[in-house]
Amino acid sequence: MSLSVILLTSQFAQAQESSKVRQLRETRMCRGCNLGQASLQRAYLQGANLQDADLEGADLRRADLRSANLVNANLLNADLRGADMRGARLEGANLVGANLAQTNFGDDIAEAHLDPQWQLAWRLVNSPETVQRDPSLLALADIDGEAP
């Protein structure tokens, strides 16, 4: 009996997630939605409102997130490889463990709406030579080079 309850709960959760993904794809509005583990590869989400959304573990590879609102979004362990995030707002977003390789924030990462520690993380992954040439960039994330 408990196995059938678990299966029904799992199926309901998958259907609910699918409806949220469908809502996002159709309206580009899903503020505060639970989109954890969602498959959004190559999704057209330009200008989407994902403020406060839970995108933990979401697959956003090559997604078009230009000018998207991701303020305070949870992108823990999200895969953002190759995503176009030019003009996206990411203030307060949780990017811990997110894969930012080849993520496009535009010509100047310093102008991205991205908290300083994530700017530094992006630089370390995508252009480590800039950090090596200019160690003062570590000050962006308030890093003093000493072990905690």
N, C-alpha and C. Protein backbone atom coordinates (compact mmCIF):
# COMPACT_ATOMS: atom_id res chain seq x y z
N MET A 1 0.82 -1.19 0.00
CA MET A 1 0.00 0.00 0.00
C MET A 1 0.87 1.26 0.00
N SER A 2 1.91 1.29 0.83
CA SER A 2 2.75 2.48 0.89
C SER A 2 3.51 2.69 -0.42
N LEU A 3 3.84 1.62 -1.13
CA LEU A 3 4.51 1.75 -2.42
C LEU A 3 3.60 2.44 -3.43
N SER A 4 2.32 2.11 -3.42
CA SER A 4 1.38 2.75 -4.36
C SER A 4 1.22 4.23 -4.03
N VAL A 5 1.25 4.60 -2.76
CA VAL A 5 1.16 6.01 -2.37
C VAL A 5 2.40 6.76 -2.86
N ILE A 6 3.56 6.13 -2.72
CA ILE A 6 4.80 6.76 -3.18
C ILE A 6 4.76 6.94 -4.69
N LEU A 7 4.32 5.92 -5.42
CA LEU A 7 4.24 6.02 -6.87
C LEU A 7 3.26 7.10 -7.30
N LEU A 8 2.10 7.17 -6.67
CA LEU A 8 1.13 8.21 -7.00
C LEU A 8 1.66 9.59 -6.68
N THR A 9 2.34 9.73 -5.55
CA THR A 9 2.93 11.02 -5.18
C THR A 9 3.98 11.42 -6.19
N SER A 10 4.81 10.48 -6.61
CA SER A 10 5.84 10.75 -7.60
C SER A 10 5.23 11.16 -8.93
N GLN A 11 4.20 10.45 -9.37
CA GLN A 11 3.54 10.78 -10.63
C GLN A 11 2.89 12.16 -10.56
N PHE A 12 2.27 12.49 -9.44
CA PHE A 12 1.66 13.81 -9.26
C PHE A 12 2.72 14.89 -9.32
N ALA A 13 3.86 14.66 -8.66
CA ALA A 13 4.96 15.65 -8.65
C ALA A 13 5.48 15.86 -10.07
N GLN A 14 5.61 14.78 -10.86
CA GLN A 14 6.08 14.91 -12.23
C GLN A 14 5.08 15.68 -13.08
N ALA A 15 3.80 15.41 -12.90
CA ALA A 15 2.77 16.12 -13.66
C ALA A 15 2.76 17.59 -13.30
N GLN A 16 2.91 17.88 -12.00
CA GLN A 16 2.93 19.27 -11.55
C GLN A 16 4.14 20.00 -12.12
N GLU A 17 5.31 19.36 -12.08
CA GLU A 17 6.50 19.97 -12.64
C GLU A 17 6.31 20.22 -14.12
N SER A 18 5.74 19.26 -14.83
CA SER A 18 5.52 19.41 -16.26
C SER A 18 4.62 20.60 -16.54
N SER A 19 3.61 20.81 -15.71
CA SER A 19 2.71 21.94 -15.94
C SER A 19 3.46 23.26 -15.70
N LYS A 20 4.35 23.30 -14.73
CA LYS A 20 5.13 24.52 -14.48
C LYS A 20 6.10 24.77 -15.62
N VAL A 21 6.73 23.72 -16.13
CA VAL A 21 7.64 23.87 -17.27
C VAL A 21 6.86 24.35 -18.48
N ARG A 22 5.69 23.77 -18.70
CA ARG A 22 4.83 24.18 -19.82
C ARG A 22 4.42 25.65 -19.65
N GLN A 23 4.03 26.03 -18.42
CA GLN A 23 3.66 27.42 -18.14
C GLN A 23 4.81 28.35 -18.47
N LEU A 24 6.02 27.97 -18.03
CA LEU A 24 7.19 28.81 -18.28
C LEU A 24 7.46 28.94 -19.78
N ARG A 25 7.42 27.84 -20.49
CA ARG A 25 7.69 27.88 -21.93
C ARG A 25 6.65 28.72 -22.68
N GLU A 26 5.40 28.65 -22.26
CA GLU A 26 4.32 29.35 -22.95
C GLU A 26 4.23 30.83 -22.60
N THR A 27 4.45 31.15 -21.32
CA THR A 27 4.23 32.53 -20.87
C THR A 27 5.51 33.26 -20.48
N ARG A 28 6.58 32.52 -20.26
CA ARG A 28 7.86 33.04 -19.74
C ARG A 28 7.63 33.75 -18.39
N MET A 29 6.63 33.31 -17.67
CA MET A 29 6.34 33.82 -16.33
C MET A 29 6.22 32.63 -15.39
N CYS A 30 7.06 32.61 -14.37
CA CYS A 30 6.97 31.53 -13.40
C CYS A 30 7.66 31.98 -12.11
N ARG A 31 7.26 33.13 -11.63
CA ARG A 31 7.84 33.69 -10.42
C ARG A 31 7.56 32.78 -9.23
N GLY A 32 8.63 32.41 -8.52
CA GLY A 32 8.51 31.58 -7.33
C GLY A 32 8.19 30.12 -7.61
N CYS A 33 8.24 29.71 -8.84
CA CYS A 33 7.90 28.32 -9.20
C CYS A 33 8.96 27.34 -8.74
N ASN A 34 8.53 26.12 -8.50
CA ASN A 34 9.45 25.03 -8.22
C ASN A 34 9.76 24.34 -9.55
N LEU A 35 10.96 24.59 -10.07
CA LEU A 35 11.40 24.01 -11.32
C LEU A 35 12.66 23.18 -11.10
N GLY A 36 12.81 22.67 -9.89
CA GLY A 36 13.98 21.86 -9.56
C GLY A 36 14.08 20.67 -10.50
N GLN A 37 15.28 20.42 -11.00
CA GLN A 37 15.59 19.29 -11.89
C GLN A 37 14.90 19.41 -13.26
N ALA A 38 14.31 20.54 -13.57
CA ALA A 38 13.60 20.69 -14.85
C ALA A 38 14.57 20.61 -16.02
N SER A 39 14.10 20.05 -17.11
CA SER A 39 14.87 19.96 -18.34
C SER A 39 14.46 21.14 -19.23
N LEU A 40 15.35 22.12 -19.31
CA LEU A 40 15.06 23.33 -20.08
C LEU A 40 16.18 23.62 -21.07
N GLN A 41 16.78 22.57 -21.60
CA GLN A 41 17.84 22.73 -22.60
C GLN A 41 17.31 23.50 -23.79
N ARG A 42 18.08 24.49 -24.23
CA ARG A 42 17.76 25.29 -25.42
C ARG A 42 16.41 26.00 -25.33
N ALA A 43 15.88 26.15 -24.13
CA ALA A 43 14.58 26.81 -23.97
C ALA A 43 14.70 28.30 -24.30
N TYR A 44 13.68 28.82 -24.96
CA TYR A 44 13.62 30.25 -25.26
C TYR A 44 12.92 30.93 -24.09
N LEU A 45 13.73 31.55 -23.23
CA LEU A 45 13.21 32.17 -22.02
C LEU A 45 13.62 33.64 -21.94
N GLN A 46 13.82 34.26 -23.09
CA GLN A 46 14.22 35.66 -23.11
C GLN A 46 13.18 36.50 -22.39
N GLY A 47 13.65 37.31 -21.41
CA GLY A 47 12.77 38.19 -20.66
C GLY A 47 11.90 37.48 -19.63
N ALA A 48 12.15 36.21 -19.39
CA ALA A 48 11.32 35.43 -18.45
C ALA A 48 11.41 35.99 -17.04
N ASN A 49 10.31 35.91 -16.30
CA ASN A 49 10.31 36.29 -14.89
C ASN A 49 10.41 35.01 -14.06
N LEU A 50 11.61 34.78 -13.53
CA LEU A 50 11.89 33.62 -12.69
C LEU A 50 12.36 34.07 -11.31
N GLN A 51 11.95 35.26 -10.92
CA GLN A 51 12.34 35.77 -9.61
C GLN A 51 11.87 34.80 -8.54
N ASP A 52 12.77 34.50 -7.60
CA ASP A 52 12.49 33.61 -6.46
C ASP A 52 12.19 32.17 -6.87
N ALA A 53 12.43 31.81 -8.13
CA ALA A 53 12.15 30.44 -8.58
C ALA A 53 13.19 29.47 -8.05
N ASP A 54 12.77 28.23 -7.85
CA ASP A 54 13.68 27.17 -7.43
C ASP A 54 14.06 26.38 -8.68
N LEU A 55 15.29 26.58 -9.14
CA LEU A 55 15.81 25.90 -10.33
C LEU A 55 16.96 24.98 -9.94
N GLU A 56 16.91 24.47 -8.72
CA GLU A 56 17.99 23.60 -8.24
C GLU A 56 18.14 22.39 -9.16
N GLY A 57 19.36 22.20 -9.66
CA GLY A 57 19.66 21.06 -10.51
C GLY A 57 19.04 21.13 -11.90
N ALA A 58 18.47 22.25 -12.28
CA ALA A 58 17.83 22.37 -13.59
C ALA A 58 18.87 22.31 -14.71
N ASP A 59 18.46 21.75 -15.84
CA ASP A 59 19.31 21.68 -17.02
C ASP A 59 18.95 22.84 -17.93
N LEU A 60 19.77 23.88 -17.90
CA LEU A 60 19.54 25.09 -18.69
C LEU A 60 20.62 25.26 -19.76
N ARG A 61 21.22 24.15 -20.18
CA ARG A 61 22.27 24.24 -21.20
C ARG A 61 21.73 24.91 -22.46
N ARG A 62 22.48 25.90 -22.92
CA ARG A 62 22.17 26.64 -24.14
C ARG A 62 20.81 27.33 -24.13
N ALA A 63 20.24 27.54 -22.96
CA ALA A 63 18.96 28.25 -22.86
C ALA A 63 19.17 29.73 -23.18
N ASP A 64 18.18 30.35 -23.76
CA ASP A 64 18.20 31.78 -24.04
C ASP A 64 17.53 32.49 -22.86
N LEU A 65 18.37 33.01 -21.97
CA LEU A 65 17.88 33.70 -20.78
C LEU A 65 18.21 35.19 -20.83
N ARG A 66 18.34 35.72 -22.03
CA ARG A 66 18.65 37.14 -22.16
C ARG A 66 17.57 37.97 -21.47
N SER A 67 18.02 38.91 -20.66
CA SER A 67 17.15 39.85 -19.93
C SER A 67 16.15 39.17 -19.00
N ALA A 68 16.42 37.93 -18.63
CA ALA A 68 15.53 37.23 -17.69
C ALA A 68 15.72 37.78 -16.28
N ASN A 69 14.66 37.73 -15.50
CA ASN A 69 14.71 38.14 -14.10
C ASN A 69 14.91 36.88 -13.25
N LEU A 70 16.13 36.71 -12.75
CA LEU A 70 16.47 35.58 -11.89
C LEU A 70 16.88 36.07 -10.50
N VAL A 71 16.38 37.22 -10.11
CA VAL A 71 16.70 37.79 -8.80
C VAL A 71 16.25 36.81 -7.71
N ASN A 72 17.16 36.50 -6.82
CA ASN A 72 16.92 35.58 -5.69
C ASN A 72 16.52 34.17 -6.12
N ALA A 73 16.81 33.80 -7.36
CA ALA A 73 16.50 32.44 -7.81
C ALA A 73 17.51 31.46 -7.22
N ASN A 74 17.06 30.24 -6.99
CA ASN A 74 17.94 29.19 -6.52
C ASN A 74 18.41 28.38 -7.72
N LEU A 75 19.67 28.57 -8.10
CA LEU A 75 20.26 27.86 -9.23
C LEU A 75 21.33 26.89 -8.72
N LEU A 76 21.16 26.41 -7.51
CA LEU A 76 22.10 25.46 -6.91
C LEU A 76 22.27 24.26 -7.84
N ASN A 77 23.52 23.98 -8.21
CA ASN A 77 23.86 22.84 -9.07
C ASN A 77 23.17 22.85 -10.43
N ALA A 78 22.71 23.99 -10.89
CA ALA A 78 22.09 24.08 -12.21
C ALA A 78 23.18 24.00 -13.29
N ASP A 79 22.82 23.49 -14.44
CA ASP A 79 23.74 23.40 -15.56
C ASP A 79 23.43 24.53 -16.53
N LEU A 80 24.29 25.54 -16.54
CA LEU A 80 24.09 26.73 -17.38
C LEU A 80 25.11 26.80 -18.52
N ARG A 81 25.73 25.67 -18.84
CA ARG A 81 26.76 25.68 -19.89
C ARG A 81 26.17 26.20 -21.20
N GLY A 82 26.84 27.21 -21.74
CA GLY A 82 26.45 27.75 -23.02
C GLY A 82 25.18 28.59 -23.01
N ALA A 83 24.61 28.84 -21.84
CA ALA A 83 23.39 29.65 -21.77
C ALA A 83 23.72 31.10 -22.14
N ASP A 84 22.78 31.77 -22.78
CA ASP A 84 22.91 33.18 -23.12
C ASP A 84 22.20 33.98 -22.04
N MET A 85 22.99 34.64 -21.20
CA MET A 85 22.42 35.37 -20.07
C MET A 85 22.72 36.86 -20.14
N ARG A 86 22.94 37.35 -21.35
CA ARG A 86 23.20 38.78 -21.50
C ARG A 86 22.02 39.58 -20.97
N GLY A 87 22.31 40.50 -20.07
CA GLY A 87 21.27 41.36 -19.52
C GLY A 87 20.40 40.72 -18.45
N ALA A 88 20.65 39.45 -18.13
CA ALA A 88 19.86 38.79 -17.09
C ALA A 88 20.17 39.40 -15.73
N ARG A 89 19.16 39.46 -14.88
CA ARG A 89 19.33 40.00 -13.53
C ARG A 89 19.45 38.82 -12.57
N LEU A 90 20.59 38.76 -11.87
CA LEU A 90 20.88 37.62 -11.00
C LEU A 90 21.23 38.06 -9.58
N GLU A 91 20.85 39.27 -9.20
CA GLU A 91 21.17 39.74 -7.87
C GLU A 91 20.56 38.80 -6.83
N GLY A 92 21.39 38.35 -5.90
CA GLY A 92 20.92 37.49 -4.83
C GLY A 92 20.69 36.04 -5.23
N ALA A 93 20.97 35.70 -6.49
CA ALA A 93 20.76 34.32 -6.94
C ALA A 93 21.80 33.40 -6.31
N ASN A 94 21.39 32.18 -6.02
CA ASN A 94 22.29 31.16 -5.48
C ASN A 94 22.84 30.35 -6.64
N LEU A 95 24.13 30.51 -6.91
CA LEU A 95 24.77 29.80 -8.01
C LEU A 95 25.79 28.78 -7.50
N VAL A 96 25.68 28.38 -6.25
CA VAL A 96 26.61 27.41 -5.68
C VAL A 96 26.52 26.12 -6.49
N GLY A 97 27.65 25.65 -6.96
CA GLY A 97 27.72 24.40 -7.71
C GLY A 97 27.20 24.49 -9.13
N ALA A 98 26.74 25.66 -9.57
CA ALA A 98 26.24 25.81 -10.94
C ALA A 98 27.40 25.73 -11.92
N ASN A 99 27.15 25.11 -13.07
CA ASN A 99 28.16 25.02 -14.12
C ASN A 99 28.00 26.23 -15.02
N LEU A 100 28.97 27.15 -14.95
CA LEU A 100 28.92 28.40 -15.71
C LEU A 100 29.85 28.39 -16.92
N ALA A 101 30.38 27.22 -17.27
CA ALA A 101 31.31 27.14 -18.40
C ALA A 101 30.62 27.63 -19.67
N GLN A 102 31.27 28.55 -20.36
CA GLN A 102 30.82 29.10 -21.64
C GLN A 102 29.48 29.81 -21.55
N THR A 103 29.08 30.19 -20.34
CA THR A 103 27.87 30.99 -20.18
C THR A 103 28.16 32.39 -20.69
N ASN A 104 27.28 32.94 -21.50
CA ASN A 104 27.49 34.25 -22.11
C ASN A 104 26.79 35.33 -21.28
N PHE A 105 27.61 36.16 -20.62
CA PHE A 105 27.07 37.29 -19.87
C PHE A 105 27.27 38.60 -20.62
N GLY A 106 27.79 38.53 -21.83
CA GLY A 106 28.04 39.73 -22.61
C GLY A 106 29.51 40.04 -22.70
N ASP A 107 29.82 41.20 -23.27
CA ASP A 107 31.21 41.57 -23.51
C ASP A 107 31.99 41.81 -22.23
N ASP A 108 31.34 42.28 -21.19
CA ASP A 108 32.04 42.63 -19.96
C ASP A 108 31.29 42.05 -18.76
N ILE A 109 31.86 41.02 -18.17
CA ILE A 109 31.22 40.36 -17.01
C ILE A 109 31.00 41.35 -15.88
N ALA A 110 31.83 42.39 -15.80
CA ALA A 110 31.67 43.39 -14.74
C ALA A 110 30.35 44.14 -14.86
N GLU A 111 29.78 44.17 -16.06
CA GLU A 111 28.51 44.86 -16.25
C GLU A 111 27.30 43.94 -16.07
N ALA A 112 27.57 42.66 -15.87
CA ALA A 112 26.47 41.71 -15.66
C ALA A 112 25.81 41.99 -14.31
N HIS A 113 24.53 41.74 -14.23
CA HIS A 113 23.80 41.92 -12.97
C HIS A 113 24.01 40.67 -12.13
N LEU A 114 25.24 40.53 -11.65
CA LEU A 114 25.68 39.31 -11.01
C LEU A 114 26.45 39.69 -9.76
N ASP A 115 26.17 39.02 -8.66
CA ASP A 115 26.90 39.31 -7.42
C ASP A 115 28.40 39.10 -7.65
N PRO A 116 29.25 39.90 -6.99
CA PRO A 116 30.70 39.86 -7.25
C PRO A 116 31.34 38.48 -7.14
N GLN A 117 30.94 37.67 -6.17
CA GLN A 117 31.59 36.36 -6.05
C GLN A 117 31.30 35.48 -7.25
N TRP A 118 30.14 35.66 -7.89
CA TRP A 118 29.81 34.86 -9.07
C TRP A 118 30.52 35.40 -10.30
N GLN A 119 30.75 36.73 -10.34
CA GLN A 119 31.58 37.28 -11.41
C GLN A 119 32.96 36.65 -11.36
N LEU A 120 33.52 36.57 -10.16
CA LEU A 120 34.84 35.98 -10.00
C LEU A 120 34.82 34.51 -10.39
N ALA A 121 33.81 33.77 -9.96
CA ALA A 121 33.71 32.34 -10.32
C ALA A 121 33.66 32.18 -11.83
N TRP A 122 32.89 33.03 -12.51
CA TRP A 122 32.80 32.96 -13.96
C TRP A 122 34.16 33.22 -14.59
N ARG A 123 34.86 34.24 -14.08
CA ARG A 123 36.19 34.55 -14.61
C ARG A 123 37.15 33.39 -14.41
N LEU A 124 37.11 32.76 -13.24
CA LEU A 124 38.02 31.64 -12.96
C LEU A 124 37.76 30.47 -13.90
N VAL A 125 36.50 30.24 -14.26
CA VAL A 125 36.15 29.13 -15.15
C VAL A 125 36.42 29.47 -16.61
N ASN A 126 36.05 30.67 -17.02
CA ASN A 126 36.06 31.01 -18.44
C ASN A 126 37.25 31.83 -18.91
N SER A 127 37.88 32.58 -18.04
CA SER A 127 39.07 33.35 -18.44
C SER A 127 40.02 33.50 -17.26
N PRO A 128 40.59 32.38 -16.81
CA PRO A 128 41.47 32.42 -15.64
C PRO A 128 42.68 33.33 -15.83
N GLU A 129 43.07 33.55 -17.08
CA GLU A 129 44.23 34.41 -17.32
C GLU A 129 43.98 35.84 -16.84
N THR A 130 42.72 36.31 -16.86
CA THR A 130 42.45 37.67 -16.37
C THR A 130 42.68 37.76 -14.87
N VAL A 131 42.36 36.70 -14.15
CA VAL A 131 42.58 36.70 -12.70
C VAL A 131 44.06 36.59 -12.40
N GLN A 132 44.78 35.78 -13.20
CA GLN A 132 46.23 35.64 -13.00
C GLN A 132 46.94 36.95 -13.28
N ARG A 133 46.48 37.68 -14.33
CA ARG A 133 47.10 38.96 -14.68
C ARG A 133 46.77 40.03 -13.66
N ASP A 134 45.62 39.95 -13.04
CA ASP A 134 45.17 41.00 -12.13
C ASP A 134 44.60 40.38 -10.85
N PRO A 135 45.49 40.01 -9.90
CA PRO A 135 45.03 39.39 -8.66
C PRO A 135 44.10 40.28 -7.84
N SER A 136 44.06 41.57 -8.14
CA SER A 136 43.16 42.45 -7.39
C SER A 136 41.69 42.08 -7.65
N LEU A 137 41.44 41.29 -8.70
CA LEU A 137 40.08 40.85 -8.97
C LEU A 137 39.53 40.00 -7.83
N LEU A 138 40.43 39.37 -7.07
CA LEU A 138 39.98 38.58 -5.93
C LEU A 138 39.25 39.44 -4.91
N ALA A 139 39.53 40.74 -4.92
CA ALA A 139 38.83 41.66 -4.00
C ALA A 139 37.34 41.74 -4.34
N LEU A 140 36.97 41.41 -5.59
CA LEU A 140 35.55 41.41 -5.96
C LEU A 140 34.74 40.54 -5.04
N ALA A 141 35.33 39.43 -4.63
CA ALA A 141 34.60 38.48 -3.79
C ALA A 141 35.06 38.55 -2.35
N ASP A 142 35.82 39.59 -2.01
CA ASP A 142 36.30 39.78 -0.65
C ASP A 142 37.12 38.57 -0.19
N ILE A 143 38.00 38.11 -1.10
CA ILE A 143 38.85 36.98 -0.80
C ILE A 143 40.25 37.49 -0.49
N ASP A 144 40.79 37.03 0.62
CA ASP A 144 42.12 37.51 1.00
C ASP A 144 43.21 36.49 0.73
N GLY A 145 42.85 35.33 0.17
CA GLY A 145 43.85 34.34 -0.17
C GLY A 145 44.27 33.45 0.98
N GLU A 146 43.74 33.70 2.16
CA GLU A 146 44.10 32.90 3.32
C GLU A 146 43.02 31.85 3.58
N ALA A 147 43.44 30.69 4.06
CA ALA A 147 42.49 29.64 4.39
C ALA A 147 41.64 30.07 5.59
N PRO A 148 40.37 29.67 5.58
CA PRO A 148 39.49 30.06 6.69
C PRO A 148 39.90 29.41 7.99
